[in-house]
Amino acid sequence: MTVARSQVDSISARLDKLYEFEREPVTADKLHDGRYFAAMFAGEHVAGTEFVIGALFVQWGAGARDILLGLLLGNLLAVLSWTFLCAPIAVRVRLTLYWYARRIIGPGLTVVYNIVNALLYCCLAAAMIGVSASAVIMALNGIPQLPYVKHPAMTDVYPNSIGWVLVVLMVGAVVVLLAIAGFKKLSQFAAVCSPWMFLIFIVGAVATLPKLGEFHNLADLWNLAQTRVWTGRPGPTGTHLGFWHVTFFAWFCNLAMHVGLSDMAVFRYARHWTYGFYSAFGMYLGHYLAWICAGIMGAVLGNQLNPGQMAYSAAGPAGLLCVLLAGWTTANPTIYRAGLALQIVTPNWPRWLITLVAGAITTVVALFPAIFMKLLDFVAIYGLMLMPIGAIIVTEHWVFPRVGLRPYWADREKLFVNPAALISWAGVLILSFPIEQFTNGRFRCPMDLLGIHLFFRWLPGWLLAAISYLLIARLMPAARARPGEPPEPETSGRSGRDGPAASGPRAPKMDAAVWLAGAAAALSLIACLVIALWVFAGPAAAYEARMATYKTLLMVCTLIYFIGAVYWEVRREQARYES
């Protein structure tokens, strides 16, 4: 695994030029306060995939009690993983995962890890494009002059029509162009969209509930939830999810981010590791309330998994717009991240070109509807593939100094690849990767032979990765502590550990028109909720008439919101820049 020292230095020097991540610890004057993290998590985790995941829980036969309690516990475990695993390491070293991992697993293995990351990002963005395409198809099918476009069925793996292919290519092209040309502006627009998108989930579920049956009190409502939404009976695919399935899915849905440590890039800007608790804003607004609301909306469509139809039925044109924007605003930064990761193997390519390549790969993958029809499985596989590296980093960071081993021994010895990390990562993938799903059961991994469900494999896999890495490293003389050697190199990043947060720019001064636009946007959101409650509480006989009025008024309120919110955001940015 070692190469001649001069060759390693030369290869490592060339690889160093390929990175575009921060190499130095974040300094104290660049730290953010808690509001930044609360807003970031709340915005990021109300996305297009929430429509799919919430509906899939219904399709896969989860019970009402299992959903409510399983999501409650699973999201709590995710918050605790961010708080006690990811945030403390990030605050201590102030480095991104990618640069910190390089010092532990070696530059060669980091290249492989980042390529895997990029490809998985492309698949995730492809699911977002598929969700947006669903909304576009629903809108096109509402125009009588245009040919009908058939939406893929839940069991479709391959493209089912020319219309689906053309719509996906069109949506993919728009997403890729936005990712290339307007990432910063798009990020600001996503921040404007987030409160409205979350509200669409809420009002869509509230207005849809009467379609599931009559109810007069909370007991009737609970009965509807158990008999019409989350029935606990196996779905059309014969799958049934129980309490622990729901719990573990909610826990590992963002496994690569917390246990896999990818969000070190975020928390390196935190003043204190307890900022990890701010992840609760994303988990309980997006992965609890939004999933529950999407399940209610999806139950109206029965056994279909059509995000566009689901949103249109619940919220009319505003619902279609929500699906479209939710897919776009999450696919764009995902493609952008994939492009950054792929730059490792394309050092001389401009960023726009590699982003175009990543977007092209993503769009081709999006043509296959299975990528979002089987999103629960994909999320599980995504986490399984990246999780072992997180376990290795946690072990070397926290355990090595306590058992007499050298932290960063691969970096100190100038190893191109850390052999213990490679063996541990490969070993866990062999034991847990669901190869049976790709070979029609002809080949099965050991965990499948033991009957361990895909959703449960990451936890024993994480423990196996940590233990095997520790044991293999102990067998290597280079990993053993040496008398007189400092426990950490000077470049560990601890210099960025403490210090006051930056005071930030002064509050911008804005005129009355800006405040009026902001007030109009806020009032329009309140109006959306009031209209939905009016539909919910009215007499059953006039429900359809109220629903038609509600969809029209909801779109009017949506237009007012975006005019006011975009004006507020643009003028506030201008005022902040001028101040």
Foldseek 3Di string as FASTA:
>chain_A
DFDPPVVLVVVVVVLVLLAPFDQAADAQQLFDELVVLLLVLLLQQAFLLLLLLLQVLQQQQEFPVLQQVLLVQLLVLQLVLLLPQQLVLLLQQRGFPLNLLCLFFFSQVSLVLLLLLLLLLLLVLLLLLLLLLLLVLVVQCVDVVDDRDDRDFLPFFFFDDPSLLVSLVVSLVVLLVCLLPPPPVLLLVSSLCSVVLLLLLVLLLLLLQVLQDDDDDVVRSSVSSCVQFNVNAGHPVRHGDYNNLSSLLLNLLVLCVRLLNNCSNVSSSHQDSNSSSSSVSNSCSRVRSSSNSSRSLSSSVPNGSRQNVSQCVRFNPVRSVSSNSSSSSNSSVSLLSSLSSVSSVVVPDDSSVSSVVSSVSSSVSSSGVNSSSVVSLSSLLSSQLSNLSSLSSSLLVPPQVVPQWARSLCNVVSGNGDVLLVCLSVVLCQQQPQVCVVVVNPDGHNCVVVVNDSSRSSVVSSVSSNVSSVVVLVVDPSTGHDPPDDRDDPSSNSNNNHDHYNPDFDQFDDDPVLVVLVVLLVVLSVVLNVLSVCLNPDDPVCNVVSSVVSSVSNVVSVVSNCVSSVSNSVVRVVRRVVD
